[in-house]
Amino acid sequence: MGKVNLLVKYCLINQKNEYNIKGILINKEIKFFDNDCLMILNKEKNTLKRIIKEEEILFDFYNKKCYVFSKESNIKIDFPIKVIEFKNTDKDFYVKYKIDENLFELMIEII
């Protein structure tokens, strides 16, 4: 287990953000907090899990699927995502993807 400094950049619908944050690297998984949610990037499985009080969202970039699990209703749904660009190296993780017609980008870099 080791602490890592991260540079996180993302572009969501009408929202761009960039910040430095500390995370924990354990066996190819990087865990960090983004506001009130726990983010878990599994670099080996190419997944990003976002955990908040009400739900869990798992982006599986390898299988091109997004899974949403509602903790309150115990309902799980999934839908396809289109991966446009993908890069996963020792120091960074970058993905550009589409859900319906909405374009998203995420970059997490170990600095």
N, C-alpha and C. Protein backbone atom coordinates (compact mmCIF):
# COMPACT_ATOMS: atom_id res chain seq x y z
N MET A 1 0.85 -1.17 0.00
CA MET A 1 0.00 0.00 0.00
C MET A 1 0.89 1.23 0.00
N GLY A 2 0.55 2.20 -0.84
CA GLY A 2 1.31 3.41 -0.87
C GLY A 2 0.45 4.60 -1.22
N LYS A 3 0.81 5.73 -0.64
CA LYS A 3 0.10 6.96 -0.98
C LYS A 3 0.67 7.49 -2.28
N VAL A 4 -0.22 8.02 -3.12
CA VAL A 4 0.21 8.58 -4.40
C VAL A 4 -0.44 9.95 -4.57
N ASN A 5 0.26 10.81 -5.26
CA ASN A 5 -0.30 12.11 -5.65
C ASN A 5 -0.91 11.95 -7.03
N LEU A 6 -2.13 12.43 -7.20
CA LEU A 6 -2.85 12.26 -8.45
C LEU A 6 -3.22 13.61 -9.04
N LEU A 7 -3.20 13.67 -10.34
CA LEU A 7 -3.78 14.78 -11.08
C LEU A 7 -5.01 14.20 -11.76
N VAL A 8 -6.17 14.73 -11.42
CA VAL A 8 -7.43 14.23 -11.97
C VAL A 8 -8.02 15.32 -12.86
N LYS A 9 -8.36 14.94 -14.08
CA LYS A 9 -9.02 15.85 -15.01
C LYS A 9 -10.22 15.12 -15.58
N TYR A 10 -11.34 15.83 -15.63
CA TYR A 10 -12.47 15.24 -16.30
C TYR A 10 -13.31 16.30 -16.98
N CYS A 11 -13.99 15.85 -18.00
CA CYS A 11 -14.89 16.71 -18.76
C CYS A 11 -16.20 15.96 -18.88
N LEU A 12 -17.20 16.45 -18.17
CA LEU A 12 -18.53 15.87 -18.22
C LEU A 12 -19.43 16.83 -18.96
N ILE A 13 -20.69 16.55 -19.00
CA ILE A 13 -21.62 17.43 -19.71
C ILE A 13 -21.55 18.82 -19.10
N ASN A 14 -21.11 19.78 -19.88
CA ASN A 14 -21.02 21.20 -19.45
C ASN A 14 -20.21 21.40 -18.17
N GLN A 15 -19.30 20.52 -17.86
CA GLN A 15 -18.52 20.67 -16.63
C GLN A 15 -17.10 20.14 -16.86
N LYS A 16 -16.13 21.00 -16.62
CA LYS A 16 -14.72 20.60 -16.69
C LYS A 16 -14.12 20.83 -15.33
N ASN A 17 -13.26 19.93 -14.92
CA ASN A 17 -12.63 20.06 -13.62
C ASN A 17 -11.22 19.49 -13.68
N GLU A 18 -10.34 20.06 -12.88
CA GLU A 18 -8.97 19.58 -12.78
C GLU A 18 -8.49 19.87 -11.37
N TYR A 19 -7.92 18.86 -10.71
CA TYR A 19 -7.43 19.07 -9.35
C TYR A 19 -6.36 18.05 -9.00
N ASN A 20 -5.56 18.39 -8.02
CA ASN A 20 -4.57 17.47 -7.45
C ASN A 20 -5.15 16.91 -6.17
N ILE A 21 -4.90 15.64 -5.93
CA ILE A 21 -5.46 14.97 -4.76
C ILE A 21 -4.53 13.82 -4.37
N LYS A 22 -4.63 13.39 -3.15
CA LYS A 22 -3.88 12.21 -2.70
C LYS A 22 -4.78 10.99 -2.80
N GLY A 23 -4.18 9.87 -3.16
CA GLY A 23 -4.90 8.61 -3.26
C GLY A 23 -4.06 7.50 -2.67
N ILE A 24 -4.62 6.31 -2.66
CA ILE A 24 -3.94 5.13 -2.16
C ILE A 24 -3.85 4.13 -3.29
N LEU A 25 -2.65 3.61 -3.52
CA LEU A 25 -2.41 2.61 -4.55
C LEU A 25 -2.19 1.26 -3.88
N ILE A 26 -3.08 0.30 -4.18
CA ILE A 26 -2.98 -1.06 -3.64
C ILE A 26 -3.23 -2.03 -4.78
N ASN A 27 -2.22 -2.83 -5.13
CA ASN A 27 -2.38 -3.89 -6.13
C ASN A 27 -3.13 -3.44 -7.38
N LYS A 28 -2.63 -2.46 -8.08
CA LYS A 28 -3.20 -1.97 -9.34
C LYS A 28 -4.54 -1.25 -9.17
N GLU A 29 -4.93 -0.93 -7.92
CA GLU A 29 -6.13 -0.14 -7.67
C GLU A 29 -5.74 1.17 -7.03
N ILE A 30 -6.32 2.25 -7.54
CA ILE A 30 -6.11 3.57 -6.97
C ILE A 30 -7.44 4.01 -6.36
N LYS A 31 -7.41 4.34 -5.07
CA LYS A 31 -8.61 4.77 -4.37
C LYS A 31 -8.42 6.23 -3.96
N PHE A 32 -9.45 7.04 -4.22
CA PHE A 32 -9.40 8.45 -3.84
C PHE A 32 -10.81 8.97 -3.68
N PHE A 33 -10.94 10.10 -3.01
CA PHE A 33 -12.24 10.74 -2.82
C PHE A 33 -12.38 11.90 -3.79
N ASP A 34 -13.53 11.96 -4.43
CA ASP A 34 -13.90 13.07 -5.31
C ASP A 34 -15.16 13.67 -4.69
N ASN A 35 -15.00 14.78 -3.99
CA ASN A 35 -16.09 15.37 -3.21
C ASN A 35 -16.61 14.35 -2.21
N ASP A 36 -17.87 13.97 -2.31
CA ASP A 36 -18.45 13.04 -1.34
C ASP A 36 -18.50 11.60 -1.83
N CYS A 37 -17.76 11.27 -2.87
CA CYS A 37 -17.83 9.89 -3.34
C CYS A 37 -16.45 9.26 -3.40
N LEU A 38 -16.43 7.96 -3.14
CA LEU A 38 -15.21 7.17 -3.22
C LEU A 38 -15.05 6.70 -4.66
N MET A 39 -13.88 6.92 -5.21
CA MET A 39 -13.57 6.48 -6.57
C MET A 39 -12.52 5.38 -6.48
N ILE A 40 -12.75 4.30 -7.21
CA ILE A 40 -11.81 3.19 -7.24
C ILE A 40 -11.49 2.88 -8.70
N LEU A 41 -10.25 3.16 -9.09
CA LEU A 41 -9.79 2.88 -10.44
C LEU A 41 -8.99 1.58 -10.40
N ASN A 42 -9.47 0.56 -11.09
CA ASN A 42 -8.75 -0.70 -11.19
C ASN A 42 -8.04 -0.70 -12.54
N LYS A 43 -6.72 -0.48 -12.52
CA LYS A 43 -5.95 -0.36 -13.75
C LYS A 43 -5.78 -1.71 -14.44
N GLU A 44 -5.89 -2.80 -13.71
CA GLU A 44 -5.76 -4.12 -14.31
C GLU A 44 -7.03 -4.53 -15.06
N LYS A 45 -8.20 -4.21 -14.48
CA LYS A 45 -9.48 -4.58 -15.08
C LYS A 45 -10.06 -3.48 -15.96
N ASN A 46 -9.42 -2.31 -15.97
CA ASN A 46 -9.89 -1.15 -16.74
C ASN A 46 -11.30 -0.73 -16.32
N THR A 47 -11.50 -0.64 -15.02
CA THR A 47 -12.80 -0.24 -14.49
C THR A 47 -12.65 0.97 -13.57
N LEU A 48 -13.71 1.74 -13.46
CA LEU A 48 -13.78 2.85 -12.53
C LEU A 48 -15.10 2.73 -11.78
N LYS A 49 -15.01 2.63 -10.47
CA LYS A 49 -16.21 2.53 -9.63
C LYS A 49 -16.36 3.82 -8.85
N ARG A 50 -17.59 4.31 -8.85
CA ARG A 50 -17.94 5.53 -8.13
C ARG A 50 -18.99 5.15 -7.09
N ILE A 51 -18.65 5.33 -5.82
CA ILE A 51 -19.54 4.90 -4.73
C ILE A 51 -20.00 6.12 -3.95
N ILE A 52 -21.32 6.30 -3.89
CA ILE A 52 -21.92 7.33 -3.06
C ILE A 52 -22.95 6.66 -2.16
N LYS A 53 -23.56 7.43 -1.30
CA LYS A 53 -24.49 6.89 -0.32
C LYS A 53 -25.63 6.09 -0.96
N GLU A 54 -26.22 6.61 -2.02
CA GLU A 54 -27.41 6.01 -2.62
C GLU A 54 -27.13 4.97 -3.70
N GLU A 55 -25.96 5.06 -4.36
CA GLU A 55 -25.73 4.17 -5.49
C GLU A 55 -24.25 3.91 -5.75
N GLU A 56 -24.02 2.89 -6.56
CA GLU A 56 -22.69 2.57 -7.06
C GLU A 56 -22.77 2.55 -8.58
N ILE A 57 -21.79 3.19 -9.21
CA ILE A 57 -21.71 3.20 -10.66
C ILE A 57 -20.37 2.59 -11.06
N LEU A 58 -20.42 1.58 -11.91
CA LEU A 58 -19.21 0.92 -12.38
C LEU A 58 -19.09 1.10 -13.88
N PHE A 59 -18.00 1.73 -14.30
CA PHE A 59 -17.68 1.86 -15.72
C PHE A 59 -16.68 0.77 -16.06
N ASP A 60 -17.07 -0.14 -16.93
CA ASP A 60 -16.20 -1.21 -17.39
C ASP A 60 -15.78 -0.85 -18.81
N PHE A 61 -14.62 -0.22 -18.93
CA PHE A 61 -14.18 0.28 -20.23
C PHE A 61 -13.72 -0.84 -21.16
N TYR A 62 -13.29 -1.96 -20.62
CA TYR A 62 -12.88 -3.09 -21.44
C TYR A 62 -14.09 -3.73 -22.13
N ASN A 63 -15.16 -3.94 -21.37
CA ASN A 63 -16.37 -4.57 -21.91
C ASN A 63 -17.39 -3.55 -22.44
N LYS A 64 -17.05 -2.26 -22.33
CA LYS A 64 -17.87 -1.17 -22.87
C LYS A 64 -19.29 -1.17 -22.30
N LYS A 65 -19.35 -1.24 -20.97
CA LYS A 65 -20.63 -1.25 -20.26
C LYS A 65 -20.55 -0.34 -19.04
N CYS A 66 -21.69 0.18 -18.65
CA CYS A 66 -21.83 0.93 -17.41
C CYS A 66 -22.92 0.26 -16.59
N TYR A 67 -22.64 0.02 -15.31
CA TYR A 67 -23.59 -0.62 -14.41
C TYR A 67 -23.93 0.36 -13.29
N VAL A 68 -25.21 0.50 -13.03
CA VAL A 68 -25.68 1.38 -11.97
C VAL A 68 -26.48 0.53 -10.99
N PHE A 69 -26.08 0.58 -9.72
CA PHE A 69 -26.77 -0.18 -8.68
C PHE A 69 -27.33 0.79 -7.65
N SER A 70 -28.64 0.77 -7.49
CA SER A 70 -29.31 1.60 -6.50
C SER A 70 -29.36 0.84 -5.18
N LYS A 71 -28.75 1.39 -4.15
CA LYS A 71 -28.73 0.73 -2.84
C LYS A 71 -30.10 0.78 -2.18
N GLU A 72 -30.86 1.83 -2.44
CA GLU A 72 -32.17 1.98 -1.81
C GLU A 72 -33.19 1.00 -2.39
N SER A 73 -33.24 0.88 -3.70
CA SER A 73 -34.24 0.01 -4.33
C SER A 73 -33.70 -1.38 -4.67
N ASN A 74 -32.39 -1.57 -4.54
CA ASN A 74 -31.73 -2.83 -4.85
C ASN A 74 -31.90 -3.21 -6.33
N ILE A 75 -31.94 -2.20 -7.19
CA ILE A 75 -32.10 -2.41 -8.63
C ILE A 75 -30.77 -2.15 -9.31
N LYS A 76 -30.44 -3.03 -10.26
CA LYS A 76 -29.20 -2.88 -11.03
C LYS A 76 -29.56 -2.78 -12.50
N ILE A 77 -29.06 -1.74 -13.15
CA ILE A 77 -29.26 -1.59 -14.58
C ILE A 77 -27.90 -1.48 -15.26
N ASP A 78 -27.88 -1.80 -16.53
CA ASP A 78 -26.64 -1.60 -17.29
C ASP A 78 -26.99 -1.07 -18.67
N PHE A 79 -26.03 -0.39 -19.26
CA PHE A 79 -26.21 0.14 -20.60
C PHE A 79 -24.84 0.24 -21.26
N PRO A 80 -24.82 0.24 -22.59
CA PRO A 80 -23.53 0.28 -23.30
C PRO A 80 -22.92 1.68 -23.29
N ILE A 81 -21.61 1.70 -23.35
CA ILE A 81 -20.87 2.93 -23.55
C ILE A 81 -19.96 2.71 -24.76
N LYS A 82 -19.69 3.78 -25.47
CA LYS A 82 -18.81 3.69 -26.63
C LYS A 82 -17.46 4.29 -26.25
N VAL A 83 -16.43 3.46 -26.22
CA VAL A 83 -15.08 3.93 -25.90
C VAL A 83 -14.43 4.43 -27.18
N ILE A 84 -14.08 5.70 -27.18
CA ILE A 84 -13.51 6.34 -28.37
C ILE A 84 -11.98 6.30 -28.32
N GLU A 85 -11.43 6.63 -27.16
CA GLU A 85 -9.98 6.65 -26.97
C GLU A 85 -9.68 6.06 -25.60
N PHE A 86 -8.58 5.30 -25.53
CA PHE A 86 -8.26 4.65 -24.26
C PHE A 86 -6.74 4.51 -24.14
N LYS A 87 -6.22 4.84 -22.95
CA LYS A 87 -4.78 4.72 -22.69
C LYS A 87 -4.61 4.34 -21.22
N ASN A 88 -3.86 3.29 -20.96
CA ASN A 88 -3.62 2.83 -19.59
C ASN A 88 -2.16 2.43 -19.47
N THR A 89 -1.36 3.31 -18.85
CA THR A 89 0.06 3.02 -18.64
C THR A 89 0.34 2.97 -17.14
N ASP A 90 1.59 2.77 -16.77
CA ASP A 90 1.95 2.73 -15.35
C ASP A 90 1.64 4.04 -14.64
N LYS A 91 1.77 5.15 -15.34
CA LYS A 91 1.63 6.47 -14.71
C LYS A 91 0.30 7.17 -14.98
N ASP A 92 -0.44 6.73 -15.99
CA ASP A 92 -1.69 7.44 -16.25
C ASP A 92 -2.77 6.54 -16.82
N PHE A 93 -3.98 7.05 -16.74
CA PHE A 93 -5.18 6.37 -17.23
C PHE A 93 -6.02 7.43 -17.91
N TYR A 94 -6.33 7.22 -19.18
CA TYR A 94 -7.12 8.19 -19.94
C TYR A 94 -8.18 7.45 -20.73
N VAL A 95 -9.39 7.97 -20.68
CA VAL A 95 -10.46 7.40 -21.49
C VAL A 95 -11.38 8.52 -21.98
N LYS A 96 -11.76 8.42 -23.24
CA LYS A 96 -12.77 9.30 -23.83
C LYS A 96 -13.88 8.36 -24.28
N TYR A 97 -15.10 8.65 -23.83
CA TYR A 97 -16.20 7.73 -24.14
C TYR A 97 -17.50 8.50 -24.33
N LYS A 98 -18.47 7.81 -24.93
CA LYS A 98 -19.78 8.39 -25.19
C LYS A 98 -20.86 7.53 -24.54
N ILE A 99 -21.84 8.22 -23.98
CA ILE A 99 -23.07 7.58 -23.54
C ILE A 99 -24.17 8.30 -24.29
N ASP A 100 -24.90 7.57 -25.10
CA ASP A 100 -25.84 8.16 -26.05
C ASP A 100 -25.05 9.13 -26.92
N GLU A 101 -25.41 10.38 -26.93
CA GLU A 101 -24.68 11.37 -27.73
C GLU A 101 -23.80 12.28 -26.87
N ASN A 102 -23.69 11.98 -25.61
CA ASN A 102 -22.89 12.81 -24.69
C ASN A 102 -21.47 12.29 -24.60
N LEU A 103 -20.51 13.20 -24.76
CA LEU A 103 -19.09 12.86 -24.75
C LEU A 103 -18.48 13.16 -23.38
N PHE A 104 -17.68 12.23 -22.87
CA PHE A 104 -17.03 12.37 -21.57
C PHE A 104 -15.55 12.06 -21.71
N GLU A 105 -14.73 12.68 -20.85
CA GLU A 105 -13.30 12.39 -20.79
C GLU A 105 -12.88 12.29 -19.34
N LEU A 106 -11.94 11.40 -19.08
CA LEU A 106 -11.39 11.25 -17.73
C LEU A 106 -9.91 10.94 -17.86
N MET A 107 -9.09 11.66 -17.08
CA MET A 107 -7.66 11.37 -17.02
C MET A 107 -7.23 11.38 -15.57
N ILE A 108 -6.56 10.31 -15.16
CA ILE A 108 -5.99 10.21 -13.83
C ILE A 108 -4.51 9.92 -14.01
N GLU A 109 -3.68 10.81 -13.51
CA GLU A 109 -2.23 10.69 -13.68
C GLU A 109 -1.56 10.64 -12.32
N ILE A 110 -0.67 9.67 -12.14
CA ILE A 110 0.14 9.60 -10.92
C ILE A 110 1.31 10.57 -11.09
N ILE A 111 1.40 11.56 -10.18
CA ILE A 111 2.47 12.56 -10.30
C ILE A 111 3.44 12.47 -9.14
